[in-house]
N, C-alpha and C. Protein backbone atom coordinates (compact mmCIF):
# COMPACT_ATOMS: atom_id res chain seq x y z
N MET A 1 -12.89 -69.32 -57.51
CA MET A 1 -13.44 -68.06 -58.07
C MET A 1 -14.51 -68.41 -58.32
N LYS A 2 -15.59 -69.02 -58.02
CA LYS A 2 -17.03 -69.25 -58.41
C LYS A 2 -17.69 -68.51 -57.04
N GLU A 3 -16.69 -68.37 -55.65
CA GLU A 3 -17.63 -67.56 -54.70
C GLU A 3 -17.01 -66.15 -54.64
N LEU A 4 -16.32 -65.89 -55.14
CA LEU A 4 -15.58 -64.34 -55.37
C LEU A 4 -16.86 -63.89 -56.34
N VAL A 5 -17.05 -64.31 -57.25
CA VAL A 5 -18.00 -63.60 -58.17
C VAL A 5 -19.61 -63.78 -57.65
N GLU A 6 -20.13 -64.39 -57.18
CA GLU A 6 -21.18 -64.97 -56.50
C GLU A 6 -21.08 -63.45 -55.18
N MET A 7 -19.66 -63.20 -54.98
CA MET A 7 -19.85 -62.54 -53.57
C MET A 7 -19.73 -61.26 -54.16
N MET A 8 -19.12 -61.10 -55.47
CA MET A 8 -19.60 -59.43 -56.23
C MET A 8 -20.83 -59.08 -56.69
N ALA A 9 -21.60 -60.31 -57.40
CA ALA A 9 -23.05 -60.28 -57.90
C ALA A 9 -23.62 -59.64 -56.60
N LYS A 10 -23.76 -60.14 -55.83
CA LYS A 10 -24.92 -60.27 -54.49
C LYS A 10 -24.57 -58.79 -54.25
N ALA A 11 -23.88 -58.43 -54.18
CA ALA A 11 -23.35 -57.14 -53.24
C ALA A 11 -23.41 -56.17 -54.36
N LEU A 12 -24.19 -55.93 -55.86
CA LEU A 12 -24.49 -54.93 -56.75
C LEU A 12 -25.61 -54.93 -57.02
N VAL A 13 -26.75 -56.50 -56.80
CA VAL A 13 -28.37 -56.76 -57.11
C VAL A 13 -29.46 -56.20 -56.27
N ASP A 14 -30.43 -55.42 -56.66
CA ASP A 14 -31.43 -55.83 -55.50
C ASP A 14 -32.19 -57.22 -54.89
N TYR A 15 -32.32 -58.30 -55.89
CA TYR A 15 -32.36 -59.30 -55.81
C TYR A 15 -31.34 -61.05 -55.47
N PRO A 16 -30.81 -61.01 -54.49
CA PRO A 16 -29.53 -61.58 -54.04
C PRO A 16 -29.60 -62.80 -54.26
N GLU A 17 -30.67 -63.99 -54.01
CA GLU A 17 -31.74 -64.60 -53.75
C GLU A 17 -31.71 -65.03 -55.31
N GLN A 18 -31.79 -64.86 -55.97
CA GLN A 18 -31.95 -64.55 -57.80
C GLN A 18 -30.19 -65.21 -58.20
N VAL A 19 -29.34 -64.66 -57.75
CA VAL A 19 -27.92 -64.61 -58.66
C VAL A 19 -27.99 -66.04 -58.47
N GLU A 20 -27.06 -66.58 -59.27
CA GLU A 20 -27.23 -68.46 -59.62
C GLU A 20 -25.54 -67.60 -60.46
N VAL A 21 -25.06 -68.62 -60.04
CA VAL A 21 -24.01 -68.77 -60.10
C VAL A 21 -22.57 -70.29 -60.28
N THR A 22 -22.06 -70.45 -61.90
CA THR A 22 -21.85 -71.90 -62.43
C THR A 22 -20.61 -72.26 -62.97
N GLU A 23 -19.52 -72.94 -62.56
CA GLU A 23 -18.35 -73.14 -63.00
C GLU A 23 -18.12 -74.11 -63.84
N ILE A 24 -17.95 -74.03 -65.07
CA ILE A 24 -17.56 -75.38 -65.39
C ILE A 24 -16.05 -75.38 -65.55
N ALA A 25 -15.22 -76.26 -65.23
CA ALA A 25 -13.63 -76.06 -64.67
C ALA A 25 -13.23 -77.02 -66.05
N GLY A 26 -12.40 -76.79 -67.03
CA GLY A 26 -11.60 -77.27 -67.76
C GLY A 26 -9.81 -77.75 -67.20
N ARG A 27 -8.70 -78.31 -67.83
CA ARG A 27 -7.65 -77.75 -67.44
C ARG A 27 -7.13 -76.92 -66.93
N ASP A 28 -7.05 -75.82 -68.17
CA ASP A 28 -6.35 -74.59 -67.69
C ASP A 28 -6.64 -73.81 -67.93
N THR A 29 -7.90 -74.06 -68.24
CA THR A 29 -9.51 -72.53 -68.36
C THR A 29 -10.65 -73.08 -67.44
N SER A 30 -11.46 -72.07 -67.05
CA SER A 30 -12.74 -72.22 -66.61
C SER A 30 -13.49 -70.86 -66.61
N VAL A 31 -14.66 -71.79 -66.84
CA VAL A 31 -15.84 -70.98 -67.32
C VAL A 31 -16.53 -70.97 -66.20
N ILE A 32 -17.31 -69.17 -66.07
CA ILE A 32 -17.79 -69.20 -64.53
C ILE A 32 -19.06 -68.51 -65.50
N GLU A 33 -20.44 -69.20 -65.48
CA GLU A 33 -21.88 -67.94 -65.75
C GLU A 33 -22.34 -67.99 -64.93
N LEU A 34 -23.01 -67.04 -65.01
CA LEU A 34 -23.65 -65.63 -63.26
C LEU A 34 -24.88 -65.19 -64.48
N LYS A 35 -25.93 -66.18 -63.81
CA LYS A 35 -27.19 -65.77 -63.59
C LYS A 35 -27.77 -64.61 -62.91
N ALA A 36 -28.68 -63.98 -63.18
CA ALA A 36 -29.29 -63.10 -62.28
C ALA A 36 -30.33 -62.79 -62.56
N ALA A 37 -31.55 -62.08 -61.69
CA ALA A 37 -32.92 -61.20 -62.03
C ALA A 37 -32.50 -60.48 -63.68
N LYS A 38 -33.60 -60.40 -64.42
CA LYS A 38 -33.77 -59.83 -65.29
C LYS A 38 -34.13 -58.74 -64.71
N GLU A 39 -34.34 -57.77 -63.68
CA GLU A 39 -34.18 -57.10 -63.39
C GLU A 39 -32.83 -55.56 -62.78
N ASP A 40 -31.96 -56.85 -62.42
CA ASP A 40 -30.64 -56.51 -62.12
C ASP A 40 -29.63 -56.86 -63.04
N MET A 41 -29.59 -56.70 -64.08
CA MET A 41 -28.83 -57.70 -65.35
C MET A 41 -27.94 -55.72 -65.47
N GLY A 42 -28.28 -54.59 -65.72
CA GLY A 42 -28.21 -53.69 -65.61
C GLY A 42 -27.05 -53.28 -64.72
N LYS A 43 -27.38 -53.92 -63.62
CA LYS A 43 -26.63 -53.35 -62.63
C LYS A 43 -25.18 -54.02 -62.74
N ILE A 44 -25.90 -55.43 -62.59
CA ILE A 44 -24.35 -55.79 -63.10
C ILE A 44 -23.08 -55.61 -64.10
N ILE A 45 -23.76 -55.51 -65.12
CA ILE A 45 -23.16 -54.95 -66.34
C ILE A 45 -22.76 -53.64 -66.13
N GLY A 46 -23.37 -52.80 -65.62
CA GLY A 46 -22.75 -51.40 -65.01
C GLY A 46 -23.14 -50.15 -66.53
N LYS A 47 -22.58 -49.53 -66.56
CA LYS A 47 -23.08 -47.95 -66.99
C LYS A 47 -21.76 -48.28 -68.11
N LYS A 48 -21.65 -48.85 -69.42
CA LYS A 48 -21.12 -48.54 -70.66
C LYS A 48 -19.86 -50.81 -70.32
N GLY A 49 -20.52 -51.48 -69.32
CA GLY A 49 -20.26 -51.94 -69.27
C GLY A 49 -18.74 -52.50 -68.42
N HIS A 50 -18.87 -50.86 -67.49
CA HIS A 50 -17.95 -50.80 -66.75
C HIS A 50 -17.76 -52.12 -65.13
N ASN A 51 -19.18 -52.55 -64.74
CA ASN A 51 -18.93 -52.99 -63.26
C ASN A 51 -18.74 -55.01 -64.07
N ALA A 52 -19.36 -54.95 -65.16
CA ALA A 52 -18.54 -56.38 -65.91
C ALA A 52 -17.15 -56.13 -66.17
N GLN A 53 -16.42 -55.08 -66.27
CA GLN A 53 -15.43 -54.96 -66.65
C GLN A 53 -14.52 -55.60 -65.43
N ALA A 54 -14.79 -54.92 -64.52
CA ALA A 54 -14.03 -55.27 -63.27
C ALA A 54 -14.45 -55.96 -62.57
N MET A 55 -15.39 -56.46 -62.82
CA MET A 55 -15.46 -58.24 -62.21
C MET A 55 -14.52 -59.10 -62.76
N ARG A 56 -14.55 -58.95 -64.31
CA ARG A 56 -13.16 -59.78 -65.21
C ARG A 56 -11.88 -59.68 -64.35
N THR A 57 -11.59 -58.25 -64.12
CA THR A 57 -10.00 -57.80 -63.94
C THR A 57 -9.91 -58.30 -63.04
N ILE A 58 -11.26 -58.38 -61.82
CA ILE A 58 -10.74 -58.64 -60.46
C ILE A 58 -10.60 -60.88 -60.61
N LEU A 59 -11.08 -61.16 -61.57
CA LEU A 59 -11.07 -62.36 -61.66
C LEU A 59 -9.56 -62.93 -62.30
N ASN A 60 -9.36 -62.20 -63.44
CA ASN A 60 -7.94 -62.64 -63.96
C ASN A 60 -7.05 -62.36 -63.60
N ALA A 61 -6.86 -61.39 -62.73
CA ALA A 61 -5.78 -61.41 -61.18
C ALA A 61 -5.75 -62.24 -60.87
N ALA A 62 -7.71 -62.64 -59.74
CA ALA A 62 -7.05 -63.59 -58.72
C ALA A 62 -6.59 -65.09 -59.71
N SER A 63 -6.64 -65.38 -61.21
CA SER A 63 -6.61 -66.61 -61.40
C SER A 63 -5.00 -66.86 -61.74
N ARG A 64 -4.37 -65.40 -61.77
CA ARG A 64 -3.19 -65.82 -62.26
C ARG A 64 -2.57 -66.84 -61.31
N LYS A 65 -2.72 -66.28 -59.83
CA LYS A 65 -2.55 -66.56 -58.99
C LYS A 65 -2.03 -68.63 -59.04
N LEU A 66 -3.19 -69.25 -59.53
CA LEU A 66 -3.82 -70.60 -59.97
C LEU A 66 -3.04 -70.82 -60.73
N ASN A 67 -2.28 -69.91 -61.92
CA ASN A 67 -1.91 -70.36 -63.31
C ASN A 67 -2.99 -71.17 -64.18
N LYS A 68 -4.85 -70.92 -64.36
CA LYS A 68 -5.43 -70.15 -65.04
C LYS A 68 -5.85 -69.52 -65.84
N HIS A 69 -6.87 -69.63 -66.86
CA HIS A 69 -7.65 -68.87 -67.65
C HIS A 69 -8.85 -68.74 -66.87
N VAL A 70 -9.81 -67.88 -66.61
CA VAL A 70 -10.65 -67.30 -66.43
C VAL A 70 -11.45 -67.31 -66.98
N VAL A 71 -12.89 -67.57 -68.15
CA VAL A 71 -13.93 -66.73 -68.52
C VAL A 71 -14.97 -66.42 -68.02
N LEU A 72 -15.28 -65.15 -66.94
CA LEU A 72 -16.50 -64.46 -66.98
C LEU A 72 -17.75 -64.74 -68.25
N GLU A 73 -18.98 -65.16 -68.13
CA GLU A 73 -19.88 -65.31 -68.89
C GLU A 73 -21.76 -65.01 -67.94
N ILE A 74 -21.52 -63.10 -68.57
CA ILE A 74 -23.24 -62.97 -68.32
C ILE A 74 -24.34 -63.64 -68.67
N ILE A 75 -25.17 -64.22 -68.82
CA ILE A 75 -26.11 -64.78 -69.52
C ILE A 75 -27.44 -64.88 -68.93
N ASP A 76 -28.14 -63.81 -69.99
CA ASP A 76 -29.63 -63.28 -69.49
C ASP A 76 -30.67 -64.67 -69.41
N ARG A 77 -31.39 -64.13 -68.44
CA ARG A 77 -32.38 -64.88 -68.28
C ARG A 77 -33.55 -64.78 -69.15
């Protein structure tokens, strides 16, 4: 899941080298934290949050195959 978020985020931003993704895995739930350059936060979130919501939808669909719940947190630096 971490690699999936990283790939999607790097495709959206101007500074892909500053994208950081960490995964905190639990038994039933994983939290994925996404950090990017301050200039790129608008591109990751998108207008009215559409990009962030699309990323969460893709994560939820992929995580159902693993029978896990995945939460995406976008963290401002």
